[in-house]
């Protein structure tokens, strides 16, 4: 691929420490690849927040948005100054369309299974996800 594997400069975003990257309930239209920094993914609770994950260099957040996630299921906040690559759902779908049909089908099945497992886990834990 050209331009460093598709990491075009216009898709690079910087977040200052403490900046909300996205929040629970927000429309989900992109995922982020952390290039530098740390991000906390947290779920709102009656007592405040529950940390779901702390992500760093090379990690991806908001990936379910790429597969038709309607709204964000958690908040994401930059813990440190963070640089990320933003991949929109439209760009992802365009890239996926250019791959092998078998691979596309496998990805679709895996995502559906992951979504089902995530919802079942939330149900068992009593979450509102």
C-alpha atoms as a PDB file:
ATOM      1  CA  UNK A   1       0.000   0.000   0.000  1.00  0.00           C
ATOM      2  CA  UNK A   2       1.079   3.546  -0.490  1.00  0.00           C
ATOM      3  CA  UNK A   3       1.708   6.184   2.195  1.00  0.00           C
ATOM      4  CA  UNK A   4       2.966   3.859   4.897  1.00  0.00           C
ATOM      5  CA  UNK A   5       0.227   1.241   4.785  1.00  0.00           C
ATOM      6  CA  UNK A   6      -2.596   3.733   4.557  1.00  0.00           C
ATOM      7  CA  UNK A   7      -1.697   5.880   7.555  1.00  0.00           C
ATOM      8  CA  UNK A   8      -2.377   9.140   5.767  1.00  0.00           C
ATOM      9  CA  UNK A   9      -1.520  12.342   7.662  1.00  0.00           C
ATOM     10  CA  UNK A  10      -5.119  13.595   7.553  1.00  0.00           C
ATOM     11  CA  UNK A  11      -6.210  10.508   9.533  1.00  0.00           C
ATOM     12  CA  UNK A  12      -3.689  11.059  12.342  1.00  0.00           C
ATOM     13  CA  UNK A  13      -5.188  12.673  15.412  1.00  0.00           C
ATOM     14  CA  UNK A  14      -3.609  13.925  18.624  1.00  0.00           C
ATOM     15  CA  UNK A  15      -5.379  13.948  21.990  1.00  0.00           C
ATOM     16  CA  UNK A  16      -4.045  15.787  25.025  1.00  0.00           C
ATOM     17  CA  UNK A  17      -3.966  13.880  28.313  1.00  0.00           C
ATOM     18  CA  UNK A  18      -7.447  13.876  29.849  1.00  0.00           C
ATOM     19  CA  UNK A  19      -9.246  14.368  26.523  1.00  0.00           C
ATOM     20  CA  UNK A  20     -12.307  12.254  25.845  1.00  0.00           C
ATOM     21  CA  UNK A  21     -11.835  10.385  22.564  1.00  0.00           C
ATOM     22  CA  UNK A  22     -15.432   9.170  22.526  1.00  0.00           C
ATOM     23  CA  UNK A  23     -18.195   8.561  25.050  1.00  0.00           C
ATOM     24  CA  UNK A  24     -20.749   5.881  25.756  1.00  0.00           C
ATOM     25  CA  UNK A  25     -23.889   6.354  23.671  1.00  0.00           C
ATOM     26  CA  UNK A  26     -22.137   8.431  20.988  1.00  0.00           C
ATOM     27  CA  UNK A  27     -22.638   7.405  17.348  1.00  0.00           C
ATOM     28  CA  UNK A  28     -19.903   4.940  16.411  1.00  0.00           C
ATOM     29  CA  UNK A  29     -18.350   5.718  13.037  1.00  0.00           C
ATOM     30  CA  UNK A  30     -14.616   5.017  13.400  1.00  0.00           C
ATOM     31  CA  UNK A  31     -11.953   3.017  15.190  1.00  0.00           C
ATOM     32  CA  UNK A  32      -8.588   4.253  16.419  1.00  0.00           C
ATOM     33  CA  UNK A  33      -5.139   2.682  16.312  1.00  0.00           C
ATOM     34  CA  UNK A  34      -2.978   4.041  19.133  1.00  0.00           C
ATOM     35  CA  UNK A  35       0.352   5.100  17.651  1.00  0.00           C
ATOM     36  CA  UNK A  36       1.746   6.645  20.832  1.00  0.00           C
ATOM     37  CA  UNK A  37       0.318   7.137  24.320  1.00  0.00           C
ATOM     38  CA  UNK A  38      -2.167   5.452  26.632  1.00  0.00           C
ATOM     39  CA  UNK A  39      -5.957   5.328  26.585  1.00  0.00           C
ATOM     40  CA  UNK A  40      -8.401   4.153  29.233  1.00  0.00           C
ATOM     41  CA  UNK A  41     -11.635   2.480  28.134  1.00  0.00           C
ATOM     42  CA  UNK A  42     -14.236   2.651  30.872  1.00  0.00           C
ATOM     43  CA  UNK A  43     -17.870   1.825  31.432  1.00  0.00           C
ATOM     44  CA  UNK A  44     -20.200   4.086  33.372  1.00  0.00           C
ATOM     45  CA  UNK A  45     -21.637   2.593  36.567  1.00  0.00           C
ATOM     46  CA  UNK A  46     -23.848   3.829  39.391  1.00  0.00           C
ATOM     47  CA  UNK A  47     -20.654   4.421  41.402  1.00  0.00           C
ATOM     48  CA  UNK A  48     -18.754   6.265  38.675  1.00  0.00           C
ATOM     49  CA  UNK A  49     -16.661   4.259  36.219  1.00  0.00           C
ATOM     50  CA  UNK A  50     -15.308   0.747  35.824  1.00  0.00           C
ATOM     51  CA  UNK A  51     -12.053   0.507  33.858  1.00  0.00           C
ATOM     52  CA  UNK A  52     -12.479  -2.069  31.099  1.00  0.00           C
ATOM     53  CA  UNK A  53      -9.010  -1.750  29.551  1.00  0.00           C
ATOM     54  CA  UNK A  54      -5.898   0.369  29.424  1.00  0.00           C
ATOM     55  CA  UNK A  55      -4.519   0.493  25.896  1.00  0.00           C
ATOM     56  CA  UNK A  56      -1.197   1.631  24.494  1.00  0.00           C
ATOM     57  CA  UNK A  57       0.967   1.666  21.393  1.00  0.00           C
ATOM     58  CA  UNK A  58      -0.361  -0.662  18.699  1.00  0.00           C
ATOM     59  CA  UNK A  59      -3.714  -1.272  20.395  1.00  0.00           C
ATOM     60  CA  UNK A  60      -7.050  -0.606  18.700  1.00  0.00           C
ATOM     61  CA  UNK A  61     -10.116   0.928  20.319  1.00  0.00           C
ATOM     62  CA  UNK A  62     -13.638   1.400  19.052  1.00  0.00           C
ATOM     63  CA  UNK A  63     -13.217  -1.432  16.571  1.00  0.00           C
ATOM     64  CA  UNK A  64     -16.841  -2.579  16.801  1.00  0.00           C
ATOM     65  CA  UNK A  65     -17.781   0.689  15.068  1.00  0.00           C
ATOM     66  CA  UNK A  66     -16.245  -0.729  11.908  1.00  0.00           C
ATOM     67  CA  UNK A  67     -18.739  -3.576  11.909  1.00  0.00           C
ATOM     68  CA  UNK A  68     -21.956  -1.650  12.197  1.00  0.00           C
ATOM     69  CA  UNK A  69     -21.877  -0.751  15.874  1.00  0.00           C
ATOM     70  CA  UNK A  70     -24.596   1.856  16.238  1.00  0.00           C
ATOM     71  CA  UNK A  71     -23.367   3.599  19.379  1.00  0.00           C
ATOM     72  CA  UNK A  72     -20.327   3.449  21.624  1.00  0.00           C
ATOM     73  CA  UNK A  73     -20.637   0.991  24.501  1.00  0.00           C
ATOM     74  CA  UNK A  74     -18.008   2.709  26.670  1.00  0.00           C
ATOM     75  CA  UNK A  75     -16.004   5.899  27.134  1.00  0.00           C
ATOM     76  CA  UNK A  76     -12.400   6.288  25.959  1.00  0.00           C
ATOM     77  CA  UNK A  77     -10.111   8.881  27.535  1.00  0.00           C
ATOM     78  CA  UNK A  78      -6.473   9.692  26.750  1.00  0.00           C
ATOM     79  CA  UNK A  79      -4.420   9.042  29.905  1.00  0.00           C
ATOM     80  CA  UNK A  80      -1.340  10.638  28.361  1.00  0.00           C
ATOM     81  CA  UNK A  81      -0.782  12.797  25.307  1.00  0.00           C
ATOM     82  CA  UNK A  82      -1.839  10.353  22.605  1.00  0.00           C
ATOM     83  CA  UNK A  83      -1.362  10.080  18.857  1.00  0.00           C
ATOM     84  CA  UNK A  84      -3.735   7.834  16.939  1.00  0.00           C
ATOM     85  CA  UNK A  85      -4.780   6.843  13.461  1.00  0.00           C
ATOM     86  CA  UNK A  86      -8.524   7.210  12.802  1.00  0.00           C
ATOM     87  CA  UNK A  87     -10.096   4.628  10.496  1.00  0.00           C
ATOM     88  CA  UNK A  88     -13.643   5.496   9.455  1.00  0.00           C
ATOM     89  CA  UNK A  89     -16.234   2.798   8.863  1.00  0.00           C
ATOM     90  CA  UNK A  90     -16.497   3.887   5.205  1.00  0.00           C
ATOM     91  CA  UNK A  91     -12.725   3.589   4.682  1.00  0.00           C
ATOM     92  CA  UNK A  92     -12.665   0.204   6.427  1.00  0.00           C
ATOM     93  CA  UNK A  93     -15.538  -1.099   4.277  1.00  0.00           C
ATOM     94  CA  UNK A  94     -13.746   0.102   1.154  1.00  0.00           C
ATOM     95  CA  UNK A  95     -10.548  -1.682   2.199  1.00  0.00           C
ATOM     96  CA  UNK A  96     -12.433  -4.847   3.160  1.00  0.00           C
ATOM     97  CA  UNK A  97     -14.282  -4.884  -0.168  1.00  0.00           C
ATOM     98  CA  UNK A  98     -10.958  -5.154  -1.974  1.00  0.00           C
ATOM     99  CA  UNK A  99      -9.984  -8.336  -0.084  1.00  0.00           C
ATOM    100  CA  UNK A 100     -10.738 -11.972  -0.832  1.00  0.00           C
ATOM    101  CA  UNK A 101     -14.453 -12.911  -0.557  1.00  0.00           C
ATOM    102  CA  UNK A 102     -13.665 -15.856   1.745  1.00  0.00           C
ATOM    103  CA  UNK A 103     -11.729 -13.602   4.098  1.00  0.00           C
ATOM    104  CA  UNK A 104     -14.585 -11.058   4.105  1.00  0.00           C
ATOM    105  CA  UNK A 105     -17.073 -13.806   5.013  1.00  0.00           C
ATOM    106  CA  UNK A 106     -14.830 -15.126   7.799  1.00  0.00           C
ATOM    107  CA  UNK A 107     -14.433 -11.639   9.281  1.00  0.00           C
ATOM    108  CA  UNK A 108     -18.212 -11.107   9.163  1.00  0.00           C
ATOM    109  CA  UNK A 109     -18.847 -14.394  10.989  1.00  0.00           C
ATOM    110  CA  UNK A 110     -16.175 -13.741  13.621  1.00  0.00           C
ATOM    111  CA  UNK A 111     -17.534 -10.272  14.330  1.00  0.00           C
ATOM    112  CA  UNK A 112     -21.096 -11.579  14.703  1.00  0.00           C
ATOM    113  CA  UNK A 113     -19.875 -14.217  17.153  1.00  0.00           C
ATOM    114  CA  UNK A 114     -17.866 -11.659  19.101  1.00  0.00           C
ATOM    115  CA  UNK A 115     -20.840  -9.313  19.306  1.00  0.00           C
ATOM    116  CA  UNK A 116     -23.096 -12.155  20.530  1.00  0.00           C
ATOM    117  CA  UNK A 117     -20.536 -13.230  23.139  1.00  0.00           C
ATOM    118  CA  UNK A 118     -20.078  -9.649  24.331  1.00  0.00           C
ATOM    119  CA  UNK A 119     -23.833  -9.174  24.759  1.00  0.00           C
ATOM    120  CA  UNK A 120     -24.179 -12.494  26.573  1.00  0.00           C
ATOM    121  CA  UNK A 121     -21.312 -11.648  28.927  1.00  0.00           C
ATOM    122  CA  UNK A 122     -22.880  -8.270  29.666  1.00  0.00           C
ATOM    123  CA  UNK A 123     -26.223  -9.968  30.330  1.00  0.00           C
ATOM    124  CA  UNK A 124     -24.641 -12.467  32.710  1.00  0.00           C
ATOM    125  CA  UNK A 125     -22.823  -9.695  34.565  1.00  0.00           C
ATOM    126  CA  UNK A 126     -25.948  -7.581  34.740  1.00  0.00           C
ATOM    127  CA  UNK A 127     -24.495  -4.767  32.616  1.00  0.00           C
ATOM    128  CA  UNK A 128     -26.688  -2.571  30.468  1.00  0.00           C
ATOM    129  CA  UNK A 129     -24.489  -3.069  27.376  1.00  0.00           C
END
